[in-house]
Amino acid sequence: MDTYFSVDTDNSRRTGLPTFAASGGVKNVVLGFTGTYDLARQWVLIGLVGLSRLAWGAKDSPIVKQRGDRNAVSAGMTLGYRF
């Protein structure tokens, strides 16, 4: 948590963000869904969508509060081949 969400004095001077020491704990909570669709006997289409939400010390960081977002949405699709 410290590496990604803390702001030390040097970084505070360069960015204008207040100093912050991130506490340990759970970084984020994720909810996701995956679905598959058989296109043919050996080909499959796989889709996924997910929502990630920063928690505990990460959500309180000025990096997140002033410059970022606590939520992230992801989506993807891939084509698979069965042997």
PDB file of N, CA and C in Angstrom:
ATOM      1  N   MET A   1       0.833  -1.187   0.000  1.00  0.00           N
ATOM      2  CA  MET A   1       0.000   0.000   0.000  1.00  0.00           C
ATOM      3  C   MET A   1       0.877   1.249   0.000  1.00  0.00           C
ATOM      4  N   ASP A   2       1.955   1.195   0.759  1.00  0.00           N
ATOM      5  CA  ASP A   2       2.825   2.351   0.889  1.00  0.00           C
ATOM      6  C   ASP A   2       3.393   2.771  -0.467  1.00  0.00           C
ATOM      7  N   THR A   3       3.817   1.806  -1.280  1.00  0.00           N
ATOM      8  CA  THR A   3       4.425   2.088  -2.580  1.00  0.00           C
ATOM      9  C   THR A   3       3.487   2.835  -3.515  1.00  0.00           C
ATOM     10  N   TYR A   4       2.238   2.455  -3.554  1.00  0.00           N
ATOM     11  CA  TYR A   4       1.302   3.012  -4.530  1.00  0.00           C
ATOM     12  C   TYR A   4       0.420   4.148  -4.011  1.00  0.00           C
ATOM     13  N   PHE A   5       0.203   4.229  -2.710  1.00  0.00           N
ATOM     14  CA  PHE A   5      -0.789   5.177  -2.203  1.00  0.00           C
ATOM     15  C   PHE A   5      -0.273   6.196  -1.195  1.00  0.00           C
ATOM     16  N   SER A   6       0.947   6.047  -0.691  1.00  0.00           N
ATOM     17  CA  SER A   6       1.503   7.035   0.246  1.00  0.00           C
ATOM     18  C   SER A   6       2.098   8.212  -0.511  1.00  0.00           C
ATOM     19  N   VAL A   7       2.134   9.366   0.143  1.00  0.00           N
ATOM     20  CA  VAL A   7       2.755  10.564  -0.415  1.00  0.00           C
ATOM     21  C   VAL A   7       3.739  11.075   0.632  1.00  0.00           C
ATOM     22  N   ASP A   8       5.049  10.980   0.321  1.00  0.00           N
ATOM     23  CA  ASP A   8       6.047  11.471   1.272  1.00  0.00           C
ATOM     24  C   ASP A   8       6.271  12.970   1.066  1.00  0.00           C
ATOM     25  N   THR A   9       7.142  13.566   1.874  1.00  0.00           N
ATOM     26  CA  THR A   9       7.355  15.016   1.831  1.00  0.00           C
ATOM     27  C   THR A   9       7.896  15.478   0.485  1.00  0.00           C
ATOM     28  N   ASP A  10       8.823  14.729  -0.071  1.00  0.00           N
ATOM     29  CA  ASP A  10       9.399  15.094  -1.370  1.00  0.00           C
ATOM     30  C   ASP A  10       8.328  15.084  -2.460  1.00  0.00           C
ATOM     31  N   ASN A  11       7.531  14.035  -2.499  1.00  0.00           N
ATOM     32  CA  ASN A  11       6.456  13.956  -3.503  1.00  0.00           C
ATOM     33  C   ASN A  11       5.377  15.006  -3.249  1.00  0.00           C
ATOM     34  N   SER A  12       5.144  15.326  -2.011  1.00  0.00           N
ATOM     35  CA  SER A  12       4.166  16.356  -1.676  1.00  0.00           C
ATOM     36  C   SER A  12       4.587  17.709  -2.241  1.00  0.00           C
ATOM     37  N   ARG A  13       5.875  18.040  -2.104  1.00  0.00           N
ATOM     38  CA  ARG A  13       6.393  19.301  -2.643  1.00  0.00           C
ATOM     39  C   ARG A  13       6.275  19.344  -4.163  1.00  0.00           C
ATOM     40  N   ARG A  14       6.576  18.216  -4.831  1.00  0.00           N
ATOM     41  CA  ARG A  14       6.556  18.187  -6.297  1.00  0.00           C
ATOM     42  C   ARG A  14       5.147  18.178  -6.880  1.00  0.00           C
ATOM     43  N   THR A  15       4.197  17.583  -6.176  1.00  0.00           N
ATOM     44  CA  THR A  15       2.855  17.415  -6.742  1.00  0.00           C
ATOM     45  C   THR A  15       1.811  18.358  -6.165  1.00  0.00           C
ATOM     46  N   GLY A  16       2.066  18.874  -4.974  1.00  0.00           N
ATOM     47  CA  GLY A  16       1.073  19.709  -4.312  1.00  0.00           C
ATOM     48  C   GLY A  16       0.060  18.906  -3.508  1.00  0.00           C
ATOM     49  N   LEU A  17       0.200  17.590  -3.501  1.00  0.00           N
ATOM     50  CA  LEU A  17      -0.690  16.745  -2.704  1.00  0.00           C
ATOM     51  C   LEU A  17      -0.246  16.762  -1.249  1.00  0.00           C
ATOM     52  N   PRO A  18      -1.166  16.613  -0.311  1.00  0.00           N
ATOM     53  CA  PRO A  18      -0.771  16.548   1.098  1.00  0.00           C
ATOM     54  C   PRO A  18      -0.042  15.242   1.390  1.00  0.00           C
ATOM     55  N   THR A  19       0.828  15.267   2.402  1.00  0.00           N
ATOM     56  CA  THR A  19       1.515  14.034   2.790  1.00  0.00           C
ATOM     57  C   THR A  19       0.495  13.033   3.331  1.00  0.00           C
ATOM     58  N   PHE A  20       0.791  11.769   3.106  1.00  0.00           N
ATOM     59  CA  PHE A  20      -0.136  10.714   3.516  1.00  0.00           C
ATOM     60  C   PHE A  20       0.636   9.411   3.661  1.00  0.00           C
ATOM     61  N   ALA A  21       0.384   8.705   4.754  1.00  0.00           N
ATOM     62  CA  ALA A  21       0.987   7.384   4.973  1.00  0.00           C
ATOM     63  C   ALA A  21      -0.130   6.337   4.904  1.00  0.00           C
ATOM     64  N   ALA A  22      -0.104   5.548   3.853  1.00  0.00           N
ATOM     65  CA  ALA A  22      -1.148   4.530   3.662  1.00  0.00           C
ATOM     66  C   ALA A  22      -0.988   3.416   4.687  1.00  0.00           C
ATOM     67  N   SER A  23      -2.102   2.990   5.247  1.00  0.00           N
ATOM     68  CA  SER A  23      -2.074   1.874   6.191  1.00  0.00           C
ATOM     69  C   SER A  23      -2.204   0.566   5.415  1.00  0.00           C
ATOM     70  N   GLY A  24      -1.841  -0.508   6.052  1.00  0.00           N
ATOM     71  CA  GLY A  24      -1.943  -1.819   5.428  1.00  0.00           C
ATOM     72  C   GLY A  24      -3.377  -2.306   5.401  1.00  0.00           C
ATOM     73  N   GLY A  25      -3.557  -3.469   4.844  1.00  0.00           N
ATOM     74  CA  GLY A  25      -4.889  -4.045   4.790  1.00  0.00           C
ATOM     75  C   GLY A  25      -5.293  -4.419   3.386  1.00  0.00           C
ATOM     76  N   VAL A  26      -6.558  -4.609   3.196  1.00  0.00           N
ATOM     77  CA  VAL A  26      -7.094  -4.998   1.897  1.00  0.00           C
ATOM     78  C   VAL A  26      -7.052  -3.801   0.956  1.00  0.00           C
ATOM     79  N   LYS A  27      -6.498  -3.995  -0.242  1.00  0.00           N
ATOM     80  CA  LYS A  27      -6.388  -2.887  -1.206  1.00  0.00           C
ATOM     81  C   LYS A  27      -7.703  -2.635  -1.930  1.00  0.00           C
ATOM     82  N   ASN A  28      -8.338  -3.689  -2.415  1.00  0.00           N
ATOM     83  CA  ASN A  28      -9.565  -3.487  -3.172  1.00  0.00           C
ATOM     84  C   ASN A  28     -10.484  -4.702  -3.086  1.00  0.00           C
ATOM     85  N   VAL A  29     -11.716  -4.472  -3.467  1.00  0.00           N
ATOM     86  CA  VAL A  29     -12.731  -5.520  -3.518  1.00  0.00           C
ATOM     87  C   VAL A  29     -13.189  -5.585  -4.972  1.00  0.00           C
ATOM     88  N   VAL A  30     -13.281  -6.813  -5.505  1.00  0.00           N
ATOM     89  CA  VAL A  30     -13.594  -6.989  -6.922  1.00  0.00           C
ATOM     90  C   VAL A  30     -14.823  -7.865  -7.080  1.00  0.00           C
ATOM     91  N   LEU A  31     -15.690  -7.467  -7.998  1.00  0.00           N
ATOM     92  CA  LEU A  31     -16.846  -8.271  -8.378  1.00  0.00           C
ATOM     93  C   LEU A  31     -16.773  -8.436  -9.887  1.00  0.00           C
ATOM     94  N   GLY A  32     -16.827  -9.682 -10.347  1.00  0.00           N
ATOM     95  CA  GLY A  32     -16.694  -9.910 -11.779  1.00  0.00           C
ATOM     96  C   GLY A  32     -17.601 -11.013 -12.274  1.00  0.00           C
ATOM     97  N   PHE A  33     -17.881 -10.962 -13.553  1.00  0.00           N
ATOM     98  CA  PHE A  33     -18.700 -11.966 -14.210  1.00  0.00           C
ATOM     99  C   PHE A  33     -17.998 -12.417 -15.484  1.00  0.00           C
ATOM    100  N   THR A  34     -18.042 -13.718 -15.737  1.00  0.00           N
ATOM    101  CA  THR A  34     -17.468 -14.290 -16.940  1.00  0.00           C
ATOM    102  C   THR A  34     -18.521 -15.141 -17.616  1.00  0.00           C
ATOM    103  N   GLY A  35     -18.593 -15.048 -18.933  1.00  0.00           N
ATOM    104  CA  GLY A  35     -19.541 -15.853 -19.692  1.00  0.00           C
ATOM    105  C   GLY A  35     -18.860 -16.482 -20.901  1.00  0.00           C
ATOM    106  N   THR A  36     -19.327 -17.629 -21.292  1.00  0.00           N
ATOM    107  CA  THR A  36     -18.773 -18.292 -22.469  1.00  0.00           C
ATOM    108  C   THR A  36     -19.888 -18.615 -23.458  1.00  0.00           C
ATOM    109  N   TYR A  37     -19.529 -18.646 -24.725  1.00  0.00           N
ATOM    110  CA  TYR A  37     -20.474 -18.988 -25.775  1.00  0.00           C
ATOM    111  C   TYR A  37     -19.751 -19.882 -26.783  1.00  0.00           C
ATOM    112  N   ASP A  38     -20.274 -21.076 -26.994  1.00  0.00           N
ATOM    113  CA  ASP A  38     -19.677 -22.000 -27.948  1.00  0.00           C
ATOM    114  C   ASP A  38     -20.033 -21.578 -29.368  1.00  0.00           C
ATOM    115  N   LEU A  39     -19.026 -21.234 -30.147  1.00  0.00           N
ATOM    116  CA  LEU A  39     -19.233 -20.840 -31.532  1.00  0.00           C
ATOM    117  C   LEU A  39     -19.295 -22.068 -32.445  1.00  0.00           C
ATOM    118  N   ALA A  40     -18.500 -23.058 -32.130  1.00  0.00           N
ATOM    119  CA  ALA A  40     -18.430 -24.319 -32.863  1.00  0.00           C
ATOM    120  C   ALA A  40     -17.899 -25.369 -31.895  1.00  0.00           C
ATOM    121  N   ARG A  41     -17.663 -26.569 -32.393  1.00  0.00           N
ATOM    122  CA  ARG A  41     -17.214 -27.659 -31.504  1.00  0.00           C
ATOM    123  C   ARG A  41     -15.934 -27.300 -30.744  1.00  0.00           C
ATOM    124  N   GLN A  42     -15.001 -26.658 -31.437  1.00  0.00           N
ATOM    125  CA  GLN A  42     -13.715 -26.368 -30.802  1.00  0.00           C
ATOM    126  C   GLN A  42     -13.496 -24.884 -30.496  1.00  0.00           C
ATOM    127  N   TRP A  43     -14.324 -24.011 -30.963  1.00  0.00           N
ATOM    128  CA  TRP A  43     -14.143 -22.580 -30.752  1.00  0.00           C
ATOM    129  C   TRP A  43     -15.120 -22.066 -29.697  1.00  0.00           C
ATOM    130  N   VAL A  44     -14.618 -21.214 -28.812  1.00  0.00           N
ATOM    131  CA  VAL A  44     -15.450 -20.641 -27.752  1.00  0.00           C
ATOM    132  C   VAL A  44     -15.132 -19.141 -27.617  1.00  0.00           C
ATOM    133  N   LEU A  45     -16.147 -18.370 -27.423  1.00  0.00           N
ATOM    134  CA  LEU A  45     -16.011 -16.931 -27.177  1.00  0.00           C
ATOM    135  C   LEU A  45     -16.187 -16.701 -25.678  1.00  0.00           C
ATOM    136  N   ILE A  46     -15.241 -16.001 -25.071  1.00  0.00           N
ATOM    137  CA  ILE A  46     -15.262 -15.769 -23.622  1.00  0.00           C
ATOM    138  C   ILE A  46     -15.307 -14.264 -23.378  1.00  0.00           C
ATOM    139  N   GLY A  47     -16.275 -13.819 -22.597  1.00  0.00           N
ATOM    140  CA  GLY A  47     -16.382 -12.409 -22.254  1.00  0.00           C
ATOM    141  C   GLY A  47     -16.366 -12.222 -20.748  1.00  0.00           C
ATOM    142  N   LEU A  48     -15.846 -11.090 -20.303  1.00  0.00           N
ATOM    143  CA  LEU A  48     -15.815 -10.810 -18.866  1.00  0.00           C
ATOM    144  C   LEU A  48     -16.015  -9.338 -18.609  1.00  0.00           C
ATOM    145  N   VAL A  49     -16.579  -9.048 -17.465  1.00  0.00           N
ATOM    146  CA  VAL A  49     -16.755  -7.668 -17.010  1.00  0.00           C
ATOM    147  C   VAL A  49     -16.547  -7.652 -15.500  1.00  0.00           C
ATOM    148  N   GLY A  50     -15.910  -6.612 -14.989  1.00  0.00           N
ATOM    149  CA  GLY A  50     -15.632  -6.551 -13.561  1.00  0.00           C
ATOM    150  C   GLY A  50     -15.651  -5.128 -13.025  1.00  0.00           C
ATOM    151  N   LEU A  51     -15.910  -5.013 -11.755  1.00  0.00           N
ATOM    152  CA  LEU A  51     -15.868  -3.737 -11.045  1.00  0.00           C
ATOM    153  C   LEU A  51     -14.935  -3.904  -9.856  1.00  0.00           C
ATOM    154  N   SER A  52     -13.963  -3.017  -9.743  1.00  0.00           N
ATOM    155  CA  SER A  52     -13.012  -3.028  -8.633  1.00  0.00           C
ATOM    156  C   SER A  52     -13.183  -1.729  -7.860  1.00  0.00           C
ATOM    157  N   ARG A  53     -13.220  -1.821  -6.542  1.00  0.00           N
ATOM    158  CA  ARG A  53     -13.400  -0.633  -5.687  1.00  0.00           C
ATOM    159  C   ARG A  53     -12.300  -0.626  -4.633  1.00  0.00           C
ATOM    160  N   LEU A  54     -11.535   0.468  -4.579  1.00  0.00           N
ATOM    161  CA  LEU A  54     -10.475   0.593  -3.577  1.00  0.00           C
ATOM    162  C   LEU A  54     -11.081   0.663  -2.183  1.00  0.00           C
ATOM    163  N   ALA A  55     -10.383   0.091  -1.213  1.00  0.00           N
ATOM    164  CA  ALA A  55     -10.898   0.020   0.151  1.00  0.00           C
ATOM    165  C   ALA A  55      -9.836   0.495   1.144  1.00  0.00           C
ATOM    166  N   TRP A  56     -10.204   0.630   2.363  1.00  0.00           N
ATOM    167  CA  TRP A  56      -9.366   0.981   3.515  1.00  0.00           C
ATOM    168  C   TRP A  56      -8.350   2.055   3.198  1.00  0.00           C
ATOM    169  N   GLY A  57      -7.072   1.843   3.453  1.00  0.00           N
ATOM    170  CA  GLY A  57      -6.051   2.881   3.301  1.00  0.00           C
ATOM    171  C   GLY A  57      -5.904   3.406   1.888  1.00  0.00           C
ATOM    172  N   ALA A  58      -6.172   2.577   0.892  1.00  0.00           N
ATOM    173  CA  ALA A  58      -6.022   2.999  -0.502  1.00  0.00           C
ATOM    174  C   ALA A  58      -7.038   4.075  -0.873  1.00  0.00           C
ATOM    175  N   LYS A  59      -8.274   3.934  -0.439  1.00  0.00           N
ATOM    176  CA  LYS A  59      -9.325   4.891  -0.817  1.00  0.00           C
ATOM    177  C   LYS A  59      -9.118   6.264  -0.181  1.00  0.00           C
ATOM    178  N   ASP A  60      -8.389   6.331   0.923  1.00  0.00           N
ATOM    179  CA  ASP A  60      -8.178   7.589   1.635  1.00  0.00           C
ATOM    180  C   ASP A  60      -6.977   8.380   1.123  1.00  0.00           C
ATOM    181  N   SER A  61      -6.199   7.796   0.237  1.00  0.00           N
ATOM    182  CA  SER A  61      -5.011   8.464  -0.286  1.00  0.00           C
ATOM    183  C   SER A  61      -5.389   9.692  -1.104  1.00  0.00           C
ATOM    184  N   PRO A  62      -4.628  10.794  -0.977  1.00  0.00           N
ATOM    185  CA  PRO A  62      -4.904  11.972  -1.800  1.00  0.00           C
ATOM    186  C   PRO A  62      -4.669  11.691  -3.288  1.00  0.00           C
ATOM    187  N   ILE A  63      -3.872  10.706  -3.604  1.00  0.00           N
ATOM    188  CA  ILE A  63      -3.669  10.315  -5.000  1.00  0.00           C
ATOM    189  C   ILE A  63      -5.010   9.871  -5.582  1.00  0.00           C
ATOM    190  N   VAL A  64      -5.776   9.120  -4.810  1.00  0.00           N
ATOM    191  CA  VAL A  64      -7.082   8.635  -5.253  1.00  0.00           C
ATOM    192  C   VAL A  64      -8.134   9.736  -5.130  1.00  0.00           C
ATOM    193  N   LYS A  65      -8.174  10.410  -3.995  1.00  0.00           N
ATOM    194  CA  LYS A  65      -9.220  11.414  -3.746  1.00  0.00           C
ATOM    195  C   LYS A  65      -9.125  12.626  -4.660  1.00  0.00           C
ATOM    196  N   GLN A  66      -7.895  13.093  -4.935  1.00  0.00           N
ATOM    197  CA  GLN A  66      -7.736  14.329  -5.697  1.00  0.00           C
ATOM    198  C   GLN A  66      -7.398  14.103  -7.170  1.00  0.00           C
ATOM    199  N   ARG A  67      -6.768  12.971  -7.494  1.00  0.00           N
ATOM    200  CA  ARG A  67      -6.312  12.770  -8.863  1.00  0.00           C
ATOM    201  C   ARG A  67      -6.867  11.513  -9.525  1.00  0.00           C
ATOM    202  N   GLY A  68      -7.521  10.679  -8.764  1.00  0.00           N
ATOM    203  CA  GLY A  68      -7.964   9.414  -9.329  1.00  0.00           C
ATOM    204  C   GLY A  68      -9.419   9.126  -9.075  1.00  0.00           C
ATOM    205  N   ASP A  69      -9.733   7.856  -9.067  1.00  0.00           N
ATOM    206  CA  ASP A  69     -11.097   7.403  -8.846  1.00  0.00           C
ATOM    207  C   ASP A  69     -11.038   6.118  -8.039  1.00  0.00           C
ATOM    208  N   ARG A  70     -11.933   5.986  -7.126  1.00  0.00           N
ATOM    209  CA  ARG A  70     -11.987   4.823  -6.254  1.00  0.00           C
ATOM    210  C   ARG A  70     -12.490   3.578  -6.988  1.00  0.00           C
ATOM    211  N   ASN A  71     -13.204   3.777  -8.088  1.00  0.00           N
ATOM    212  CA  ASN A  71     -13.805   2.681  -8.838  1.00  0.00           C
ATOM    213  C   ASN A  71     -13.095   2.469 -10.166  1.00  0.00           C
ATOM    214  N   ALA A  72     -13.038   1.221 -10.602  1.00  0.00           N
ATOM    215  CA  ALA A  72     -12.484   0.892 -11.911  1.00  0.00           C
ATOM    216  C   ALA A  72     -13.334  -0.206 -12.530  1.00  0.00           C
ATOM    217  N   VAL A  73     -13.680  -0.017 -13.787  1.00  0.00           N
ATOM    218  CA  VAL A  73     -14.456  -1.009 -14.521  1.00  0.00           C
ATOM    219  C   VAL A  73     -13.542  -1.626 -15.567  1.00  0.00           C
ATOM    220  N   SER A  74     -13.643  -2.928 -15.733  1.00  0.00           N
ATOM    221  CA  SER A  74     -12.857  -3.602 -16.757  1.00  0.00           C
ATOM    222  C   SER A  74     -13.758  -4.543 -17.554  1.00  0.00           C
ATOM    223  N   ALA A  75     -13.409  -4.715 -18.805  1.00  0.00           N
ATOM    224  CA  ALA A  75     -14.161  -5.613 -19.673  1.00  0.00           C
ATOM    225  C   ALA A  75     -13.195  -6.216 -20.671  1.00  0.00           C
ATOM    226  N   GLY A  76     -13.515  -7.405 -21.119  1.00  0.00           N
ATOM    227  CA  GLY A  76     -12.648  -8.051 -22.085  1.00  0.00           C
ATOM    228  C   GLY A  76     -13.367  -9.168 -22.816  1.00  0.00           C
ATOM    229  N   MET A  77     -12.782  -9.533 -23.942  1.00  0.00           N
ATOM    230  CA  MET A  77     -13.340 -10.616 -24.729  1.00  0.00           C
ATOM    231  C   MET A  77     -12.176 -11.365 -25.373  1.00  0.00           C
ATOM    232  N   THR A  78     -12.290 -12.655 -25.446  1.00  0.00           N
ATOM    233  CA  THR A  78     -11.233 -13.457 -26.065  1.00  0.00           C
ATOM    234  C   THR A  78     -11.858 -14.625 -26.812  1.00  0.00           C
ATOM    235  N   LEU A  79     -11.108 -15.134 -27.720  1.00  0.00           N
ATOM    236  CA  LEU A  79     -11.518 -16.278 -28.519  1.00  0.00           C
ATOM    237  C   LEU A  79     -10.645 -17.454 -28.108  1.00  0.00           C
ATOM    238  N   GLY A  80     -11.263 -18.582 -27.792  1.00  0.00           N
ATOM    239  CA  GLY A  80     -10.506 -19.749 -27.350  1.00  0.00           C
ATOM    240  C   GLY A  80     -10.691 -20.920 -28.302  1.00  0.00           C
ATOM    241  N   TYR A  81      -9.672 -21.779 -28.324  1.00  0.00           N
ATOM    242  CA  TYR A  81      -9.707 -22.981 -29.156  1.00  0.00           C
ATOM    243  C   TYR A  81      -9.467 -24.191 -28.273  1.00  0.00           C
ATOM    244  N   ARG A  82     -10.330 -25.173 -28.346  1.00  0.00           N
ATOM    245  CA  ARG A  82     -10.175 -26.402 -27.556  1.00  0.00           C
ATOM    246  C   ARG A  82      -9.440 -27.453 -28.379  1.00  0.00           C
ATOM    247  N   PHE A  83      -8.467 -28.106 -27.761  1.00  0.00           N
ATOM    248  CA  PHE A  83      -7.702 -29.170 -28.433  1.00  0.00           C
ATOM    249  C   PHE A  83      -8.335 -30.515 -28.173  1.00  0.00           C
TER     250      PHE A  83
END
